[in-house]
Amino acid sequence: MSLPSQHHLSRQPGFTLLEILVVLILLGIIVSVAMLSIGGSRKEQLEHSMQRLQQVIRMAHEEAVLNQYELALKFKPHAYEFQTLKKNKWQTISQPPFMRRRELDDVFRIKLLQDGISVSLEKEDSGRILLFSSGEMTPFELYMSISDTDQRMRLQGDAFGKLTLEDASG
């Protein structure tokens, strides 16, 4: 009897330790890149949300002046909406489409200051910026931040409707 030759020995199916290590390293790199991009996207979302809000306020302000009616921008803890005064009561409006209620992600925090004083966003009768048909608006400072980070943006509006957006982080 002869010993089995190495030709007859077949390789068992499966992965080698080296192949498994390469796959684990690649997965680690992919997860790291994904985590970094998620952190960056929150900041980008914050900047985009504030730029959008700035443009929406500008358009609504022009709408109030051109059509000669008063508007309010009502802020809530995680949303904002436009309102108009009808029969001595503020009513939410959704036309034109850019004035529809806008919900914000729960990680965003809003802080509204008027005359340097923080305004409650919980109460029904506060948290409004008025946009007058005369071209004036309620002066305000609005801070939007990301929870548990120092990322923060500030939108400031003066009595004449000039809006200024800046990074207020750190």
N, C-alpha and C. Protein backbone atom coordinates (compact mmCIF):
# COMPACT_ATOMS: atom_id res chain seq x y z
N MET A 1 0.82 -1.18 0.00
CA MET A 1 0.00 0.00 0.00
C MET A 1 0.86 1.23 0.00
N SER A 2 0.39 2.16 -0.76
CA SER A 2 1.16 3.41 -0.82
C SER A 2 0.40 4.51 -0.08
N LEU A 3 1.17 5.47 0.35
CA LEU A 3 0.59 6.62 1.05
C LEU A 3 -0.13 7.53 0.06
N PRO A 4 -1.22 8.15 0.49
CA PRO A 4 -1.91 9.04 -0.44
C PRO A 4 -1.02 10.21 -0.82
N SER A 5 -1.00 10.51 -2.08
CA SER A 5 -0.18 11.62 -2.54
C SER A 5 -0.89 12.95 -2.28
N GLN A 6 -0.12 14.01 -2.34
CA GLN A 6 -0.69 15.33 -2.09
C GLN A 6 -1.68 15.73 -3.18
N HIS A 7 -1.60 15.07 -4.34
CA HIS A 7 -2.54 15.35 -5.42
C HIS A 7 -3.96 14.96 -5.03
N HIS A 8 -4.06 13.91 -4.26
CA HIS A 8 -5.37 13.40 -3.93
C HIS A 8 -6.01 14.16 -2.76
N LEU A 9 -5.21 14.92 -2.00
CA LEU A 9 -5.78 15.70 -0.89
C LEU A 9 -6.49 16.91 -1.47
N SER A 10 -7.73 17.07 -1.15
CA SER A 10 -8.46 18.22 -1.67
C SER A 10 -8.60 19.28 -0.58
N ARG A 11 -8.68 20.47 -1.02
CA ARG A 11 -8.83 21.61 -0.10
C ARG A 11 -10.27 21.65 0.39
N GLN A 12 -10.46 21.85 1.68
CA GLN A 12 -11.80 21.91 2.23
C GLN A 12 -12.41 23.26 1.92
N PRO A 13 -13.72 23.29 1.64
CA PRO A 13 -14.37 24.56 1.31
C PRO A 13 -14.37 25.48 2.53
N GLY A 14 -14.30 26.80 2.28
CA GLY A 14 -14.31 27.78 3.36
C GLY A 14 -13.36 28.91 3.06
N PHE A 15 -13.23 29.82 4.00
CA PHE A 15 -12.37 30.99 3.83
C PHE A 15 -11.13 30.84 4.68
N THR A 16 -10.04 31.38 4.20
CA THR A 16 -8.81 31.36 4.99
C THR A 16 -8.85 32.50 5.98
N LEU A 17 -8.03 32.40 6.96
CA LEU A 17 -7.95 33.45 7.98
C LEU A 17 -7.59 34.79 7.34
N LEU A 18 -6.74 34.80 6.37
CA LEU A 18 -6.34 36.02 5.68
C LEU A 18 -7.52 36.66 4.96
N GLU A 19 -8.33 35.86 4.31
CA GLU A 19 -9.51 36.40 3.62
C GLU A 19 -10.49 37.03 4.61
N ILE A 20 -10.70 36.38 5.72
CA ILE A 20 -11.61 36.91 6.75
C ILE A 20 -11.07 38.23 7.30
N LEU A 21 -9.77 38.31 7.56
CA LEU A 21 -9.17 39.54 8.08
C LEU A 21 -9.31 40.69 7.08
N VAL A 22 -9.11 40.43 5.79
CA VAL A 22 -9.25 41.46 4.77
C VAL A 22 -10.68 41.99 4.74
N VAL A 23 -11.67 41.11 4.81
CA VAL A 23 -13.07 41.53 4.81
C VAL A 23 -13.38 42.37 6.04
N LEU A 24 -12.89 41.97 7.22
CA LEU A 24 -13.12 42.73 8.46
C LEU A 24 -12.49 44.12 8.39
N ILE A 25 -11.31 44.22 7.83
CA ILE A 25 -10.65 45.52 7.69
C ILE A 25 -11.45 46.42 6.75
N LEU A 26 -11.90 45.87 5.64
CA LEU A 26 -12.71 46.65 4.69
C LEU A 26 -14.01 47.11 5.34
N LEU A 27 -14.67 46.24 6.09
CA LEU A 27 -15.89 46.63 6.79
C LEU A 27 -15.61 47.75 7.80
N GLY A 28 -14.51 47.65 8.51
CA GLY A 28 -14.13 48.70 9.47
C GLY A 28 -13.93 50.04 8.80
N ILE A 29 -13.29 50.04 7.66
CA ILE A 29 -13.07 51.29 6.92
C ILE A 29 -14.40 51.87 6.45
N ILE A 30 -15.28 51.03 5.92
CA ILE A 30 -16.58 51.50 5.44
C ILE A 30 -17.40 52.09 6.59
N VAL A 31 -17.43 51.43 7.73
CA VAL A 31 -18.17 51.94 8.89
C VAL A 31 -17.59 53.27 9.36
N SER A 32 -16.28 53.39 9.39
CA SER A 32 -15.64 54.64 9.82
C SER A 32 -16.01 55.79 8.90
N VAL A 33 -15.96 55.56 7.61
CA VAL A 33 -16.31 56.61 6.64
C VAL A 33 -17.78 56.99 6.79
N ALA A 34 -18.64 56.00 6.98
CA ALA A 34 -20.07 56.28 7.15
C ALA A 34 -20.31 57.12 8.40
N MET A 35 -19.65 56.80 9.50
CA MET A 35 -19.83 57.55 10.74
C MET A 35 -19.34 58.99 10.58
N LEU A 36 -18.23 59.18 9.90
CA LEU A 36 -17.72 60.53 9.67
C LEU A 36 -18.68 61.33 8.79
N SER A 37 -19.24 60.69 7.79
CA SER A 37 -20.13 61.41 6.89
C SER A 37 -21.45 61.76 7.58
N ILE A 38 -21.92 60.93 8.49
CA ILE A 38 -23.15 61.23 9.23
C ILE A 38 -22.93 62.46 10.11
N GLY A 39 -21.82 62.55 10.80
CA GLY A 39 -21.53 63.71 11.64
C GLY A 39 -21.47 64.98 10.81
N GLY A 40 -20.85 64.92 9.66
CA GLY A 40 -20.77 66.09 8.79
C GLY A 40 -22.10 66.47 8.20
N SER A 41 -22.95 65.48 7.94
CA SER A 41 -24.22 65.79 7.32
C SER A 41 -25.15 66.53 8.27
N ARG A 42 -25.05 66.31 9.56
CA ARG A 42 -25.87 67.06 10.53
C ARG A 42 -25.55 68.55 10.43
N LYS A 43 -24.27 68.87 10.36
CA LYS A 43 -23.88 70.28 10.24
C LYS A 43 -24.40 70.85 8.92
N GLU A 44 -24.28 70.08 7.85
CA GLU A 44 -24.78 70.52 6.55
C GLU A 44 -26.30 70.69 6.59
N GLN A 45 -27.00 69.78 7.29
CA GLN A 45 -28.45 69.91 7.43
C GLN A 45 -28.80 71.18 8.18
N LEU A 46 -28.05 71.49 9.22
CA LEU A 46 -28.29 72.71 9.99
C LEU A 46 -28.10 73.94 9.11
N GLU A 47 -27.00 73.99 8.38
CA GLU A 47 -26.74 75.12 7.48
C GLU A 47 -27.83 75.23 6.41
N HIS A 48 -28.21 74.10 5.83
CA HIS A 48 -29.24 74.10 4.79
C HIS A 48 -30.58 74.57 5.36
N SER A 49 -30.94 74.09 6.55
CA SER A 49 -32.21 74.49 7.17
C SER A 49 -32.25 75.98 7.44
N MET A 50 -31.15 76.53 7.90
CA MET A 50 -31.12 77.97 8.20
C MET A 50 -31.10 78.80 6.92
N GLN A 51 -30.39 78.35 5.90
CA GLN A 51 -30.40 79.08 4.62
C GLN A 51 -31.79 79.05 4.01
N ARG A 52 -32.46 77.90 4.10
CA ARG A 52 -33.82 77.78 3.59
C ARG A 52 -34.74 78.73 4.36
N LEU A 53 -34.63 78.74 5.68
CA LEU A 53 -35.47 79.61 6.50
C LEU A 53 -35.25 81.08 6.13
N GLN A 54 -33.99 81.47 5.94
CA GLN A 54 -33.68 82.84 5.55
C GLN A 54 -34.38 83.20 4.24
N GLN A 55 -34.31 82.32 3.25
CA GLN A 55 -34.95 82.59 1.96
C GLN A 55 -36.47 82.61 2.06
N VAL A 56 -37.02 81.72 2.87
CA VAL A 56 -38.47 81.67 3.05
C VAL A 56 -38.96 82.96 3.71
N ILE A 57 -38.23 83.44 4.71
CA ILE A 57 -38.62 84.70 5.36
C ILE A 57 -38.56 85.85 4.36
N ARG A 58 -37.52 85.89 3.54
CA ARG A 58 -37.41 86.94 2.51
C ARG A 58 -38.60 86.91 1.56
N MET A 59 -38.93 85.73 1.08
CA MET A 59 -40.05 85.62 0.13
C MET A 59 -41.38 85.98 0.79
N ALA A 60 -41.58 85.53 2.02
CA ALA A 60 -42.82 85.85 2.73
C ALA A 60 -42.92 87.34 3.01
N HIS A 61 -41.79 87.96 3.33
CA HIS A 61 -41.77 89.40 3.59
C HIS A 61 -42.15 90.16 2.31
N GLU A 62 -41.60 89.75 1.18
CA GLU A 62 -41.96 90.36 -0.10
C GLU A 62 -43.44 90.14 -0.41
N GLU A 63 -43.94 88.96 -0.11
CA GLU A 63 -45.35 88.63 -0.33
C GLU A 63 -46.24 89.57 0.50
N ALA A 64 -45.87 89.80 1.74
CA ALA A 64 -46.66 90.69 2.62
C ALA A 64 -46.68 92.12 2.08
N VAL A 65 -45.54 92.58 1.58
CA VAL A 65 -45.46 93.94 1.05
C VAL A 65 -46.24 94.06 -0.26
N LEU A 66 -46.04 93.13 -1.17
CA LEU A 66 -46.70 93.19 -2.49
C LEU A 66 -48.22 93.05 -2.40
N ASN A 67 -48.69 92.19 -1.51
CA ASN A 67 -50.13 91.94 -1.40
C ASN A 67 -50.79 92.72 -0.27
N GLN A 68 -50.02 93.53 0.41
CA GLN A 68 -50.53 94.42 1.47
C GLN A 68 -51.34 93.69 2.55
N TYR A 69 -50.70 92.68 3.15
CA TYR A 69 -51.30 92.04 4.33
C TYR A 69 -50.20 91.68 5.32
N GLU A 70 -50.60 91.48 6.57
CA GLU A 70 -49.66 91.20 7.63
C GLU A 70 -49.51 89.68 7.78
N LEU A 71 -48.30 89.26 8.01
CA LEU A 71 -48.00 87.85 8.23
C LEU A 71 -47.25 87.69 9.55
N ALA A 72 -47.32 86.50 10.09
CA ALA A 72 -46.51 86.15 11.25
C ALA A 72 -45.82 84.83 10.95
N LEU A 73 -44.61 84.71 11.45
CA LEU A 73 -43.90 83.44 11.39
C LEU A 73 -43.85 82.91 12.81
N LYS A 74 -44.60 81.85 13.06
CA LYS A 74 -44.73 81.27 14.40
C LYS A 74 -43.76 80.11 14.54
N PHE A 75 -42.90 80.21 15.57
CA PHE A 75 -41.94 79.14 15.84
C PHE A 75 -42.47 78.26 16.96
N LYS A 76 -42.25 76.97 16.80
CA LYS A 76 -42.56 75.98 17.83
C LYS A 76 -41.25 75.24 18.11
N PRO A 77 -41.19 74.41 19.15
CA PRO A 77 -39.90 73.77 19.47
C PRO A 77 -39.22 73.03 18.32
N HIS A 78 -39.98 72.39 17.44
CA HIS A 78 -39.38 71.65 16.32
C HIS A 78 -40.08 71.93 15.01
N ALA A 79 -40.64 73.14 14.87
CA ALA A 79 -41.35 73.47 13.64
C ALA A 79 -41.52 74.98 13.53
N TYR A 80 -41.91 75.41 12.33
CA TYR A 80 -42.34 76.79 12.13
C TYR A 80 -43.43 76.81 11.07
N GLU A 81 -44.28 77.83 11.17
CA GLU A 81 -45.40 77.96 10.23
C GLU A 81 -45.75 79.43 10.06
N PHE A 82 -46.35 79.73 8.93
CA PHE A 82 -46.81 81.10 8.68
C PHE A 82 -48.27 81.22 9.09
N GLN A 83 -48.59 82.40 9.58
CA GLN A 83 -49.95 82.69 10.02
C GLN A 83 -50.37 84.05 9.51
N THR A 84 -51.68 84.23 9.39
CA THR A 84 -52.23 85.52 9.05
C THR A 84 -53.33 85.84 10.05
N LEU A 85 -53.57 87.12 10.25
CA LEU A 85 -54.56 87.56 11.23
C LEU A 85 -55.92 87.67 10.55
N LYS A 86 -56.88 86.85 11.01
CA LYS A 86 -58.25 86.89 10.49
C LYS A 86 -59.20 86.93 11.67
N LYS A 87 -60.06 87.94 11.66
CA LYS A 87 -61.04 88.12 12.75
C LYS A 87 -60.36 88.11 14.12
N ASN A 88 -59.26 88.87 14.21
CA ASN A 88 -58.49 89.03 15.45
C ASN A 88 -57.91 87.72 15.99
N LYS A 89 -57.68 86.75 15.11
CA LYS A 89 -57.09 85.48 15.52
C LYS A 89 -56.06 85.04 14.48
N TRP A 90 -54.90 84.58 14.96
CA TRP A 90 -53.87 84.09 14.05
C TRP A 90 -54.26 82.72 13.54
N GLN A 91 -54.25 82.58 12.21
CA GLN A 91 -54.61 81.31 11.58
C GLN A 91 -53.48 80.85 10.67
N THR A 92 -53.16 79.57 10.74
CA THR A 92 -52.09 79.00 9.93
C THR A 92 -52.50 79.01 8.46
N ILE A 93 -51.53 79.35 7.61
CA ILE A 93 -51.76 79.34 6.17
C ILE A 93 -50.79 78.36 5.51
N SER A 94 -51.14 77.90 4.32
CA SER A 94 -50.26 76.96 3.62
C SER A 94 -50.08 77.33 2.15
N GLN A 95 -50.60 78.47 1.76
CA GLN A 95 -50.43 78.94 0.38
C GLN A 95 -49.84 80.33 0.37
N PRO A 96 -48.90 80.61 -0.48
CA PRO A 96 -48.28 79.76 -1.48
C PRO A 96 -47.50 78.60 -0.82
N PRO A 97 -47.12 77.59 -1.61
CA PRO A 97 -46.52 76.37 -1.05
C PRO A 97 -45.29 76.59 -0.16
N PHE A 98 -44.49 77.61 -0.43
CA PHE A 98 -43.30 77.81 0.41
C PHE A 98 -43.66 78.22 1.83
N MET A 99 -44.91 78.58 2.07
CA MET A 99 -45.35 78.97 3.41
C MET A 99 -45.95 77.82 4.21
N ARG A 100 -45.89 76.61 3.69
CA ARG A 100 -46.42 75.47 4.43
C ARG A 100 -45.62 75.24 5.71
N ARG A 101 -46.28 74.64 6.69
CA ARG A 101 -45.64 74.28 7.95
C ARG A 101 -44.41 73.42 7.67
N ARG A 102 -43.34 73.70 8.38
CA ARG A 102 -42.09 72.97 8.20
C ARG A 102 -41.68 72.33 9.52
N GLU A 103 -41.62 70.99 9.53
CA GLU A 103 -41.17 70.24 10.70
C GLU A 103 -39.66 70.10 10.64
N LEU A 104 -39.01 70.22 11.79
CA LEU A 104 -37.56 70.07 11.86
C LEU A 104 -37.22 68.76 12.57
N ASP A 105 -36.06 68.24 12.26
CA ASP A 105 -35.57 67.03 12.90
C ASP A 105 -35.47 67.26 14.41
N ASP A 106 -35.73 66.23 15.20
CA ASP A 106 -35.72 66.35 16.66
C ASP A 106 -34.35 66.73 17.23
N VAL A 107 -33.27 66.53 16.48
CA VAL A 107 -31.94 66.89 17.01
C VAL A 107 -31.69 68.39 16.96
N PHE A 108 -32.53 69.13 16.23
CA PHE A 108 -32.36 70.58 16.15
C PHE A 108 -33.09 71.27 17.28
N ARG A 109 -32.45 72.27 17.85
CA ARG A 109 -33.03 73.09 18.92
C ARG A 109 -33.14 74.52 18.42
N ILE A 110 -34.29 75.15 18.70
CA ILE A 110 -34.53 76.53 18.29
C ILE A 110 -34.60 77.41 19.53
N LYS A 111 -33.94 78.56 19.44
CA LYS A 111 -34.04 79.56 20.50
C LYS A 111 -34.30 80.90 19.82
N LEU A 112 -35.39 81.56 20.21
CA LEU A 112 -35.78 82.83 19.63
C LEU A 112 -35.61 83.93 20.67
N LEU A 113 -34.93 85.00 20.26
CA LEU A 113 -34.75 86.17 21.12
C LEU A 113 -35.41 87.37 20.45
N GLN A 114 -36.16 88.13 21.26
CA GLN A 114 -36.72 89.40 20.80
C GLN A 114 -36.37 90.43 21.86
N ASP A 115 -35.76 91.53 21.42
CA ASP A 115 -35.24 92.55 22.34
C ASP A 115 -34.27 91.94 23.35
N GLY A 116 -33.50 90.96 22.91
CA GLY A 116 -32.50 90.34 23.76
C GLY A 116 -33.05 89.37 24.80
N ILE A 117 -34.35 89.12 24.77
CA ILE A 117 -34.99 88.25 25.76
C ILE A 117 -35.46 86.98 25.06
N SER A 118 -35.18 85.85 25.69
CA SER A 118 -35.61 84.56 25.15
C SER A 118 -37.14 84.46 25.19
N VAL A 119 -37.72 84.00 24.09
CA VAL A 119 -39.17 83.90 23.94
C VAL A 119 -39.58 82.44 24.01
N SER A 120 -40.66 82.16 24.72
CA SER A 120 -41.17 80.79 24.83
C SER A 120 -41.75 80.34 23.49
N LEU A 121 -41.38 79.16 23.07
CA LEU A 121 -41.93 78.59 21.84
C LEU A 121 -43.08 77.64 22.14
N GLU A 122 -43.31 77.40 23.42
CA GLU A 122 -44.38 76.49 23.85
C GLU A 122 -45.74 77.19 23.91
N LYS A 123 -45.73 78.48 24.28
CA LYS A 123 -46.98 79.20 24.46
C LYS A 123 -47.58 79.57 23.11
N GLU A 124 -48.89 79.53 23.04
CA GLU A 124 -49.60 79.82 21.80
C GLU A 124 -49.50 81.29 21.39
N ASP A 125 -49.40 82.19 22.38
CA ASP A 125 -49.41 83.62 22.07
C ASP A 125 -48.01 84.23 21.98
N SER A 126 -46.98 83.42 21.90
CA SER A 126 -45.62 83.97 21.76
C SER A 126 -44.85 83.17 20.72
N GLY A 127 -43.65 83.63 20.42
CA GLY A 127 -42.82 82.94 19.44
C GLY A 127 -43.08 83.35 18.01
N ARG A 128 -43.63 84.58 17.82
CA ARG A 128 -43.95 85.05 16.47
C ARG A 128 -43.03 86.20 16.04
N ILE A 129 -42.68 86.15 14.77
CA ILE A 129 -42.02 87.28 14.11
C ILE A 129 -43.07 87.86 13.18
N LEU A 130 -43.34 89.14 13.29
CA LEU A 130 -44.36 89.78 12.46
C LEU A 130 -43.71 90.38 11.21
N LEU A 131 -44.34 90.16 10.07
CA LEU A 131 -43.90 90.69 8.79
C LEU A 131 -45.00 91.63 8.31
N PHE A 132 -44.71 92.92 8.34
CA PHE A 132 -45.72 93.94 8.05
C PHE A 132 -45.76 94.31 6.57
N SER A 133 -46.93 94.74 6.13
CA SER A 133 -47.10 95.15 4.73
C SER A 133 -46.32 96.43 4.44
N SER A 134 -45.91 97.15 5.46
CA SER A 134 -45.12 98.37 5.29
C SER A 134 -43.65 98.08 4.98
N GLY A 135 -43.26 96.81 5.08
CA GLY A 135 -41.86 96.44 4.84
C GLY A 135 -41.07 96.25 6.11
N GLU A 136 -41.68 96.52 7.24
CA GLU A 136 -40.99 96.34 8.52
C GLU A 136 -41.23 94.91 9.03
N MET A 137 -40.41 94.54 9.99
CA MET A 137 -40.60 93.24 10.65
C MET A 137 -40.16 93.34 12.10
N THR A 138 -40.61 92.42 12.90
CA THR A 138 -40.19 92.35 14.29
C THR A 138 -38.71 92.00 14.33
N PRO A 139 -37.88 92.84 14.98
CA PRO A 139 -36.46 92.47 15.10
C PRO A 139 -36.32 91.18 15.93
N PHE A 140 -35.39 90.34 15.54
CA PHE A 140 -35.23 89.05 16.23
C PHE A 140 -33.83 88.50 16.04
N GLU A 141 -33.51 87.54 16.89
CA GLU A 141 -32.34 86.69 16.74
C GLU A 141 -32.84 85.27 16.91
N LEU A 142 -32.53 84.41 15.96
CA LEU A 142 -32.95 83.02 16.02
C LEU A 142 -31.71 82.14 15.98
N TYR A 143 -31.58 81.30 16.99
CA TYR A 143 -30.48 80.35 17.04
C TYR A 143 -31.03 78.96 16.80
N MET A 144 -30.37 78.23 15.91
CA MET A 144 -30.72 76.84 15.71
C MET A 144 -29.44 76.05 15.94
N SER A 145 -29.54 75.01 16.76
CA SER A 145 -28.36 74.22 17.10
C SER A 145 -28.68 72.74 17.01
N ILE A 146 -27.61 71.96 17.05
CA ILE A 146 -27.73 70.51 17.06
C ILE A 146 -27.52 70.05 18.50
N SER A 147 -28.44 69.24 19.00
CA SER A 147 -28.35 68.74 20.38
C SER A 147 -27.00 68.08 20.65
N ASP A 148 -26.48 68.32 21.83
CA ASP A 148 -25.25 67.68 22.32
C ASP A 148 -24.01 68.00 21.49
N THR A 149 -24.04 69.12 20.75
CA THR A 149 -22.85 69.57 20.02
C THR A 149 -22.74 71.08 20.20
N ASP A 150 -21.64 71.64 19.73
CA ASP A 150 -21.49 73.09 19.77
C ASP A 150 -21.84 73.72 18.42
N GLN A 151 -22.41 72.94 17.50
CA GLN A 151 -22.81 73.45 16.18
C GLN A 151 -24.04 74.33 16.34
N ARG A 152 -23.93 75.60 15.91
CA ARG A 152 -25.03 76.54 16.09
C ARG A 152 -24.97 77.60 15.01
N MET A 153 -26.14 77.97 14.49
CA MET A 153 -26.25 79.03 13.49
C MET A 153 -27.16 80.12 14.05
N ARG A 154 -26.91 81.36 13.61
CA ARG A 154 -27.74 82.48 14.06
C ARG A 154 -28.29 83.22 12.85
N LEU A 155 -29.60 83.46 12.88
CA LEU A 155 -30.27 84.27 11.87
C LEU A 155 -30.81 85.49 12.59
N GLN A 156 -30.40 86.65 12.11
CA GLN A 156 -30.82 87.90 12.75
C GLN A 156 -31.59 88.73 11.74
N GLY A 157 -32.72 89.29 12.20
CA GLY A 157 -33.52 90.17 11.36
C GLY A 157 -33.69 91.50 12.05
N ASP A 158 -33.55 92.59 11.30
CA ASP A 158 -33.74 93.91 11.90
C ASP A 158 -35.13 94.46 11.54
N ALA A 159 -35.45 95.62 12.07
CA ALA A 159 -36.79 96.21 11.89
C ALA A 159 -37.10 96.53 10.43
N PHE A 160 -36.09 96.66 9.59
CA PHE A 160 -36.30 97.00 8.19
C PHE A 160 -36.31 95.79 7.27
N GLY A 161 -36.23 94.60 7.85
CA GLY A 161 -36.32 93.38 7.07
C GLY A 161 -34.99 92.82 6.60
N LYS A 162 -33.87 93.40 7.02
CA LYS A 162 -32.57 92.88 6.63
C LYS A 162 -32.27 91.63 7.44
N LEU A 163 -31.90 90.55 6.75
CA LEU A 163 -31.60 89.28 7.39
C LEU A 163 -30.12 88.97 7.26
N THR A 164 -29.53 88.51 8.38
CA THR A 164 -28.12 88.14 8.40
C THR A 164 -27.98 86.75 8.99
N LEU A 165 -27.28 85.87 8.28
CA LEU A 165 -27.08 84.50 8.72
C LEU A 165 -25.59 84.29 8.98
N GLU A 166 -25.27 83.69 10.15
CA GLU A 166 -23.87 83.45 10.47
C GLU A 166 -23.72 82.20 11.34
N ASP A 167 -22.53 81.63 11.28
CA ASP A 167 -22.19 80.50 12.12
C ASP A 167 -21.92 81.04 13.52
N ALA A 168 -22.60 80.49 14.52
CA ALA A 168 -22.43 80.95 15.90
C ALA A 168 -21.87 79.83 16.78
N SER A 169 -21.16 78.88 16.17
CA SER A 169 -20.59 77.78 16.92
C SER A 169 -19.46 78.25 17.82
N GLY A 170 -19.30 77.52 18.91
CA GLY A 170 -18.19 77.77 19.82
C GLY A 170 -18.35 78.99 20.56
